Amino acid sequence: MTYRNILFLLLFLPVASFAQAYNDWQYAAPVTVDNSANADTYSDFQVQVSIDTATLVAAGKLKADGSDLRFSDLGLTTGLCYFIESGMNTATTLVWVNVPSLPSSGIVDISMVYGNPVAVAESNPDCVFDLFEDFSTDLGVFADAGCGSFTGAAVAGEGQLSWPSSGLMVTNTTFPVATAFLAEANVTGATGTWPGIYWVNSDASHKSYGIMVNTTNARISVTGGGDSYCSGHNWASTLSPFTSAVGLWSITWPQDGVQIAEFPTVGVITSTDITHSRTSDLQLMIGGISSGSGSIDLDWVRVRKFADSTPGTSIGAEVILSSPQLEAISIPVLSKISLLLLAGLILIPVARRLRA
């Protein structure tokens, strides 16, 4: 390789790596995503990053509303979808990032970028999760009536569902059976008999597992006989007493013989029931099964990828991409590229003399 080519790589590649989409951002920090505890590889996996944004805001490096926060590949060439979930301008701001690829038993680095006073927010849960429904205008993906008799509507930004006996809403989309998914619902209220959220085979069997509750206990349940969405359910786990149903409910059926749920004031509930298999792509259901009236109110529902061990994240040292002070020290006649070209013209003859 000639000295000219070497000089080109040394001078121009660093400029290109910070250019284009993030020209106007001042800071970046590497974020390491650790998947070393999982033997599986993952695509488009949602990871949660905890950030001390209060310190960045206090230092004038990040806008108080987080609208200039971005995530990218490590080389700052491709932006990544992200969603600021909670705690902006606190020591523990929670952000979800969709990472294109996680290696088996390995790590991958991405970039967190910030420091642009004129940037507008790009936080977007629809871009991050495999499903996100906030019931802002209607029932969205839950518009399909699965079975039974129920009343469902979006009211003041909540999904509200009630039934006199059994009633279920089912997603109008399916989730590939080859992938393990976790469903989460932020429940603001639940009453009566067996409201719940369920994973169900989309084929004619309609066999399902779910997390359901009565007025005092939560359980993982399993479809009994019949092939209706509303077929009765039996216990697949012991009953777990709870003191409040308000908060995050979750359920995953990642493989045959494994069901894992989480419920407010209870924690994790597990089952190894083998009554049914994952025989087709899955749908997500919300509502009540079996007998008796009930209701459930939801702020939002989302679906994301599931891993046996949650990949961890850590944030590295900050790098300065640009600063107003440095930008002010410039030569009006010569652009940055012109300066690099001039440096090349000066250094190439010197390099040749040294080689001789």
Protein backbone atom coordinates (compact mmCIF):
# COMPACT_ATOMS: atom_id res chain seq x y z
CA MET A 1 0.00 0.00 0.00
CA THR A 2 1.36 3.47 -0.91
CA TYR A 3 1.95 6.23 1.59
CA ARG A 4 -0.83 8.18 -0.12
CA ASN A 5 -3.32 5.38 0.51
CA ILE A 6 -2.23 5.01 4.10
CA LEU A 7 -2.59 8.74 4.63
CA PHE A 8 -6.07 8.67 3.10
CA LEU A 9 -7.23 5.94 5.46
CA LEU A 10 -5.75 7.62 8.50
CA LEU A 11 -7.13 11.05 7.74
CA PHE A 12 -10.51 10.42 6.15
CA LEU A 13 -11.93 7.31 7.81
CA PRO A 14 -12.28 8.89 11.27
CA VAL A 15 -14.10 11.84 9.72
CA ALA A 16 -16.48 9.56 7.82
CA SER A 17 -17.27 7.50 10.92
CA PHE A 18 -18.65 10.53 12.76
CA ALA A 19 -20.25 12.20 9.75
CA GLN A 20 -23.61 12.18 8.07
CA ALA A 21 -26.45 11.48 10.54
CA TYR A 22 -24.66 12.73 13.67
CA ASN A 23 -22.82 15.80 12.39
CA ASP A 24 -24.76 18.01 14.79
CA TRP A 25 -24.32 15.89 17.92
CA GLN A 26 -21.61 16.66 20.45
CA TYR A 27 -21.23 13.47 22.49
CA ALA A 28 -21.31 9.70 22.22
CA ALA A 29 -20.74 6.80 24.60
CA PRO A 30 -20.42 3.09 23.84
CA VAL A 31 -23.09 0.78 25.24
CA THR A 32 -22.04 -2.85 25.68
CA VAL A 33 -24.82 -5.44 25.39
CA ASP A 34 -23.81 -8.67 27.11
CA ASN A 35 -25.43 -11.86 25.80
CA SER A 36 -22.73 -14.15 27.19
CA ALA A 37 -25.23 -16.07 29.35
CA ASN A 38 -27.28 -17.23 26.33
CA ALA A 39 -26.14 -19.81 23.78
CA ASP A 40 -28.73 -18.57 21.28
CA THR A 41 -28.29 -15.75 18.78
CA TYR A 42 -31.04 -13.13 18.52
CA SER A 43 -32.24 -10.72 15.86
CA ASP A 44 -34.01 -7.42 16.53
CA PHE A 45 -33.79 -7.99 20.27
CA GLN A 46 -35.10 -5.37 22.69
CA VAL A 47 -32.63 -4.49 25.46
CA GLN A 48 -33.17 -2.11 28.36
CA VAL A 49 -30.54 0.52 29.14
CA SER A 50 -30.48 2.45 32.44
CA ILE A 51 -28.99 5.94 32.06
CA ASP A 52 -28.15 8.67 34.57
CA THR A 53 -29.70 11.44 32.49
CA ALA A 54 -29.92 13.80 35.47
CA THR A 55 -26.14 14.24 35.46
CA LEU A 56 -26.04 14.79 31.69
CA VAL A 57 -28.86 17.34 31.86
CA ALA A 58 -27.22 19.18 34.77
CA ALA A 59 -23.97 19.38 32.75
CA GLY A 60 -25.81 20.89 29.77
CA LYS A 61 -25.02 17.86 27.61
CA LEU A 62 -28.57 16.54 27.18
CA LYS A 63 -31.93 18.27 26.83
CA ALA A 64 -34.18 17.87 29.85
CA ASP A 65 -36.86 16.11 27.81
CA GLY A 66 -34.35 13.72 26.20
CA SER A 67 -35.36 14.72 22.69
CA ASP A 68 -31.72 14.76 21.51
CA LEU A 69 -30.97 11.24 22.76
CA ARG A 70 -30.19 8.74 20.00
CA PHE A 71 -28.80 5.22 19.60
CA SER A 72 -26.72 3.93 16.72
CA ASP A 73 -24.37 1.18 15.66
CA LEU A 74 -20.88 1.61 17.08
CA GLY A 75 -19.62 3.32 13.91
CA LEU A 76 -22.40 5.94 14.04
CA THR A 77 -23.62 5.05 10.57
CA THR A 78 -27.01 3.44 11.23
CA GLY A 79 -29.57 4.70 13.74
CA LEU A 80 -31.35 2.21 16.03
CA CYS A 81 -34.97 2.35 17.18
CA TYR A 82 -35.35 3.34 20.83
CA PHE A 83 -38.07 4.21 23.34
CA ILE A 84 -37.66 6.30 26.51
CA GLU A 85 -39.92 4.40 28.89
CA SER A 86 -39.61 6.32 32.15
CA GLY A 87 -37.56 8.48 34.48
CA MET A 88 -36.28 11.17 32.12
CA ASN A 89 -33.95 13.61 33.93
CA THR A 90 -33.36 11.17 36.80
CA ALA A 91 -30.49 8.89 37.81
CA THR A 92 -32.28 5.84 36.39
CA THR A 93 -33.84 6.67 33.05
CA LEU A 94 -35.05 3.45 31.42
CA VAL A 95 -34.70 3.23 27.64
CA TRP A 96 -35.47 0.30 25.34
CA VAL A 97 -33.28 -0.17 22.26
CA ASN A 98 -33.87 -2.58 19.38
CA VAL A 99 -30.49 -4.22 18.70
CA PRO A 100 -30.26 -5.81 15.23
CA SER A 101 -28.13 -8.79 16.26
CA LEU A 102 -26.89 -10.40 19.48
CA PRO A 103 -24.20 -13.08 19.11
CA SER A 104 -24.31 -16.45 20.81
CA SER A 105 -22.54 -16.31 24.19
CA GLY A 106 -21.00 -12.96 23.26
CA ILE A 107 -21.24 -9.20 23.42
CA VAL A 108 -21.97 -6.40 20.98
CA ASP A 109 -21.33 -2.67 21.27
CA ILE A 110 -23.67 0.08 20.13
CA SER A 111 -23.49 3.86 20.61
CA MET A 112 -25.54 6.30 22.65
CA VAL A 113 -25.45 9.79 21.09
CA TYR A 114 -26.58 13.08 22.66
CA GLY A 115 -25.96 16.81 22.75
CA ASN A 116 -27.94 18.58 20.03
CA PRO A 117 -30.03 21.55 21.24
CA VAL A 118 -32.21 21.65 18.10
CA ALA A 119 -32.96 17.92 17.83
CA VAL A 120 -36.56 16.70 17.98
CA ALA A 121 -37.70 13.55 19.75
CA GLU A 122 -37.55 10.23 17.92
CA SER A 123 -38.49 7.92 20.79
CA ASN A 124 -40.91 5.39 19.26
CA PRO A 125 -42.23 2.21 20.94
CA ASP A 126 -43.85 0.98 17.72
CA CYS A 127 -40.39 0.85 16.13
CA VAL A 128 -38.82 -0.97 19.09
CA PHE A 129 -41.27 -3.70 20.08
CA ASP A 130 -42.81 -6.54 18.10
CA LEU A 131 -46.17 -5.18 19.19
CA PHE A 132 -47.10 -2.04 21.08
CA GLU A 133 -50.70 -1.00 21.66
CA ASP A 134 -51.49 2.05 23.81
CA PHE A 135 -55.22 2.29 22.99
CA SER A 136 -54.82 5.98 22.22
CA THR A 137 -57.71 6.04 19.74
CA ASP A 138 -59.22 2.55 19.55
CA LEU A 139 -58.57 -1.11 20.37
CA GLY A 140 -55.95 -1.28 17.62
CA VAL A 141 -54.55 -4.77 17.07
CA PHE A 142 -57.14 -6.16 19.50
CA ALA A 143 -60.08 -5.17 17.32
CA ASP A 144 -60.85 -8.83 16.53
CA ALA A 145 -63.47 -10.52 18.72
CA GLY A 146 -62.06 -13.88 19.71
CA CYS A 147 -65.10 -15.35 21.42
CA GLY A 148 -67.84 -14.80 23.95
CA SER A 149 -69.83 -11.72 24.77
CA PHE A 150 -67.97 -8.63 25.88
CA THR A 151 -67.81 -4.86 25.69
CA GLY A 152 -64.51 -3.38 24.59
CA ALA A 153 -63.50 0.22 23.94
CA ALA A 154 -60.65 2.70 24.14
CA VAL A 155 -61.55 5.26 26.81
CA ALA A 156 -59.26 8.16 27.76
CA GLY A 157 -56.23 6.34 26.43
CA GLU A 158 -57.02 3.02 28.09
CA GLY A 159 -58.26 -0.27 26.70
CA GLN A 160 -61.31 -1.29 28.72
CA LEU A 161 -62.88 -4.74 28.42
CA SER A 162 -65.72 -6.30 30.39
CA TRP A 163 -67.74 -9.51 30.01
CA PRO A 164 -70.83 -11.12 31.59
CA SER A 165 -69.44 -14.68 31.34
CA SER A 166 -66.51 -15.20 28.94
CA GLY A 167 -65.11 -12.72 26.47
CA LEU A 168 -61.76 -12.46 24.69
CA MET A 169 -60.09 -10.03 22.29
CA VAL A 170 -57.44 -11.55 20.01
CA THR A 171 -54.64 -9.84 18.08
CA ASN A 172 -55.17 -9.52 14.35
CA THR A 173 -51.51 -10.45 13.86
CA THR A 174 -49.53 -13.59 14.71
CA PHE A 175 -46.09 -14.21 16.17
CA PRO A 176 -43.72 -16.79 14.62
CA VAL A 177 -43.65 -20.03 16.60
CA ALA A 178 -39.90 -20.36 15.95
CA THR A 179 -39.26 -17.32 18.17
CA ALA A 180 -39.89 -16.96 21.90
CA PHE A 181 -41.91 -13.88 22.86
CA LEU A 182 -42.83 -12.20 26.14
CA ALA A 183 -46.16 -10.37 26.46
CA GLU A 184 -46.43 -7.54 28.99
CA ALA A 185 -49.46 -5.48 29.98
CA ASN A 186 -49.60 -2.42 32.22
CA VAL A 187 -52.89 -3.11 33.99
CA THR A 188 -54.67 -0.25 35.73
CA GLY A 189 -57.57 -2.31 37.07
CA ALA A 190 -59.05 -5.82 37.10
CA THR A 191 -62.26 -7.10 38.67
CA GLY A 192 -64.35 -10.24 38.89
CA THR A 193 -63.64 -13.71 37.61
CA TRP A 194 -60.44 -14.65 35.79
CA PRO A 195 -59.35 -11.64 33.75
CA GLY A 196 -56.05 -12.46 32.09
CA ILE A 197 -53.63 -12.34 29.17
CA TYR A 198 -52.92 -15.47 27.14
CA TRP A 199 -50.71 -16.94 24.42
CA VAL A 200 -52.79 -19.10 22.07
CA ASN A 201 -52.05 -21.30 19.06
CA SER A 202 -53.51 -19.63 15.98
CA ASP A 203 -54.47 -22.95 14.40
CA ALA A 204 -57.85 -24.61 14.83
CA SER A 205 -56.91 -26.11 18.21
CA HIS A 206 -56.74 -22.68 19.92
CA LYS A 207 -54.87 -24.22 22.85
CA SER A 208 -53.49 -21.60 25.20
CA TYR A 209 -51.65 -20.73 28.40
CA GLY A 210 -52.19 -17.51 30.34
CA ILE A 211 -51.81 -15.55 33.54
CA MET A 212 -55.27 -15.10 35.07
CA VAL A 213 -56.70 -13.94 38.39
CA ASN A 214 -59.78 -13.99 40.54
CA THR A 215 -60.29 -11.46 43.31
CA THR A 216 -57.49 -12.78 45.55
CA ASN A 217 -55.23 -15.19 43.64
CA ALA A 218 -53.18 -15.33 40.45
CA ARG A 219 -52.25 -18.47 38.51
CA ILE A 220 -50.91 -19.78 35.23
CA SER A 221 -53.75 -21.58 33.48
CA VAL A 222 -54.09 -24.05 30.60
CA THR A 223 -56.88 -24.73 28.11
CA GLY A 224 -59.05 -27.70 29.02
CA GLY A 225 -61.26 -29.45 26.47
CA GLY A 226 -62.70 -27.92 23.32
CA ASP A 227 -61.22 -25.92 20.47
CA SER A 228 -62.79 -22.50 21.08
CA TYR A 229 -60.80 -19.47 22.19
CA CYS A 230 -63.19 -19.47 25.16
CA SER A 231 -62.67 -23.13 26.13
CA GLY A 232 -62.45 -23.51 29.88
CA HIS A 233 -59.10 -23.32 31.65
CA ASN A 234 -57.54 -25.48 34.36
CA TRP A 235 -54.75 -24.77 36.81
CA ALA A 236 -51.20 -25.12 35.49
CA SER A 237 -49.60 -23.66 38.62
CA THR A 238 -50.45 -23.23 42.27
CA LEU A 239 -52.55 -20.26 43.32
CA SER A 240 -50.54 -17.21 44.40
CA PRO A 241 -52.29 -14.69 46.69
CA PHE A 242 -51.89 -11.03 45.72
CA THR A 243 -52.73 -7.71 47.36
CA SER A 244 -53.03 -5.60 44.19
CA ALA A 245 -53.62 -6.40 40.52
CA VAL A 246 -52.43 -2.97 39.35
CA GLY A 247 -49.08 -2.97 37.57
CA LEU A 248 -47.14 -5.08 35.10
CA TRP A 249 -48.49 -8.50 34.10
CA SER A 250 -46.37 -10.74 31.88
CA ILE A 251 -46.57 -14.19 30.31
CA THR A 252 -44.27 -16.21 28.06
CA TRP A 253 -44.65 -19.68 26.58
CA PRO A 254 -41.16 -19.98 25.07
CA GLN A 255 -41.18 -23.73 24.50
CA ASP A 256 -43.21 -26.83 25.23
CA GLY A 257 -43.33 -27.53 28.94
CA VAL A 258 -42.24 -24.02 30.00
CA GLN A 259 -44.57 -21.20 31.03
CA ILE A 260 -43.37 -18.17 33.02
CA ALA A 261 -45.50 -15.31 34.32
CA GLU A 262 -45.00 -12.30 36.54
CA PHE A 263 -47.67 -10.53 38.57
CA PRO A 264 -47.80 -7.44 40.85
CA THR A 265 -47.13 -8.13 44.57
CA VAL A 266 -46.47 -11.80 43.70
CA GLY A 267 -43.40 -11.87 41.48
CA VAL A 268 -42.52 -14.76 39.18
CA ILE A 269 -44.90 -17.70 38.72
CA THR A 270 -43.69 -20.77 36.81
CA SER A 271 -45.22 -23.89 35.30
CA THR A 272 -43.87 -26.96 33.52
CA ASP A 273 -47.24 -28.12 32.20
CA ILE A 274 -47.00 -30.35 29.09
CA THR A 275 -50.70 -30.62 28.24
CA HIS A 276 -50.32 -28.62 25.02
CA SER A 277 -47.59 -27.90 22.49
CA ARG A 278 -46.77 -24.84 20.41
CA THR A 279 -48.24 -26.17 17.17
CA SER A 280 -48.54 -22.97 15.14
CA ASP A 281 -47.75 -19.27 15.15
CA LEU A 282 -49.17 -17.63 18.26
CA GLN A 283 -51.73 -14.92 18.95
CA LEU A 284 -52.15 -12.82 22.07
CA MET A 285 -55.53 -12.74 23.86
CA ILE A 286 -56.94 -10.47 26.56
CA GLY A 287 -60.13 -11.00 28.53
CA GLY A 288 -61.91 -13.50 30.75
CA ILE A 289 -62.30 -17.26 30.41
CA SER A 290 -64.54 -19.73 32.27
CA SER A 291 -67.54 -18.46 34.21
CA GLY A 292 -68.53 -15.24 35.91
CA SER A 293 -68.38 -11.58 35.02
CA GLY A 294 -65.25 -9.49 35.10
CA SER A 295 -63.27 -6.63 33.60
CA ILE A 296 -59.74 -5.51 32.84
CA ASP A 297 -58.37 -2.02 32.08
CA LEU A 298 -55.02 -1.58 30.34
CA ASP A 299 -52.72 1.39 29.81
CA TRP A 300 -50.72 -0.50 27.17
CA VAL A 301 -49.78 -3.95 25.93
CA ARG A 302 -46.47 -4.88 24.30
CA VAL A 303 -44.65 -7.92 22.96
CA ARG A 304 -40.87 -8.33 22.88
CA LYS A 305 -38.35 -11.11 22.34
CA PHE A 306 -37.64 -13.45 25.25
CA ALA A 307 -34.28 -14.88 26.37
CA ASP A 308 -33.68 -17.35 29.20
CA SER A 309 -31.19 -14.89 30.71
CA THR A 310 -31.84 -11.20 30.17
CA PRO A 311 -28.91 -9.59 28.28
CA GLY A 312 -27.24 -6.93 30.42
CA THR A 313 -26.03 -3.49 29.37
CA SER A 314 -23.30 -1.12 30.53
CA ILE A 315 -22.30 2.37 29.37
CA GLY A 316 -18.67 3.25 28.65
CA ALA A 317 -16.67 6.47 28.67
CA GLU A 318 -17.97 9.54 26.87
CA VAL A 319 -16.38 10.65 23.60
CA ILE A 320 -16.57 14.24 22.33
CA LEU A 321 -17.71 14.29 18.70
CA SER A 322 -17.72 18.07 18.35
CA SER A 323 -18.08 21.18 20.47
CA PRO A 324 -19.17 24.78 19.83
CA GLN A 325 -15.76 25.96 21.10
CA LEU A 326 -13.84 23.85 18.60
CA GLU A 327 -16.20 24.79 15.77
CA ALA A 328 -15.54 28.48 16.50
CA ILE A 329 -11.79 28.02 15.99
CA SER A 330 -11.80 27.69 12.21
CA ILE A 331 -10.16 29.11 9.11
CA PRO A 332 -12.93 30.74 7.06
CA VAL A 333 -11.31 30.14 3.69
CA LEU A 334 -10.48 26.46 4.15
CA SER A 335 -13.03 23.77 4.88
CA LYS A 336 -12.14 20.81 7.10
CA ILE A 337 -11.68 18.61 4.05
CA SER A 338 -9.40 21.25 2.50
CA LEU A 339 -7.28 21.22 5.62
CA LEU A 340 -6.96 17.46 5.43
CA LEU A 341 -5.91 17.66 1.79
CA LEU A 342 -3.34 20.29 2.69
CA ALA A 343 -1.97 18.06 5.44
CA GLY A 344 -1.63 15.26 2.93
CA LEU A 345 0.32 17.42 0.51
CA ILE A 346 2.72 18.38 3.29
CA LEU A 347 3.17 14.96 4.87
CA ILE A 348 3.54 12.80 1.77
CA PRO A 349 6.89 14.33 0.68
CA VAL A 350 8.15 14.06 4.25
CA ALA A 351 7.20 10.39 4.35
CA ARG A 352 8.98 9.76 1.07
CA ARG A 353 12.18 11.37 2.33
CA LEU A 354 12.05 9.26 5.47
CA ARG A 355 11.64 6.11 3.39
CA ALA A 356 14.65 7.08 1.24
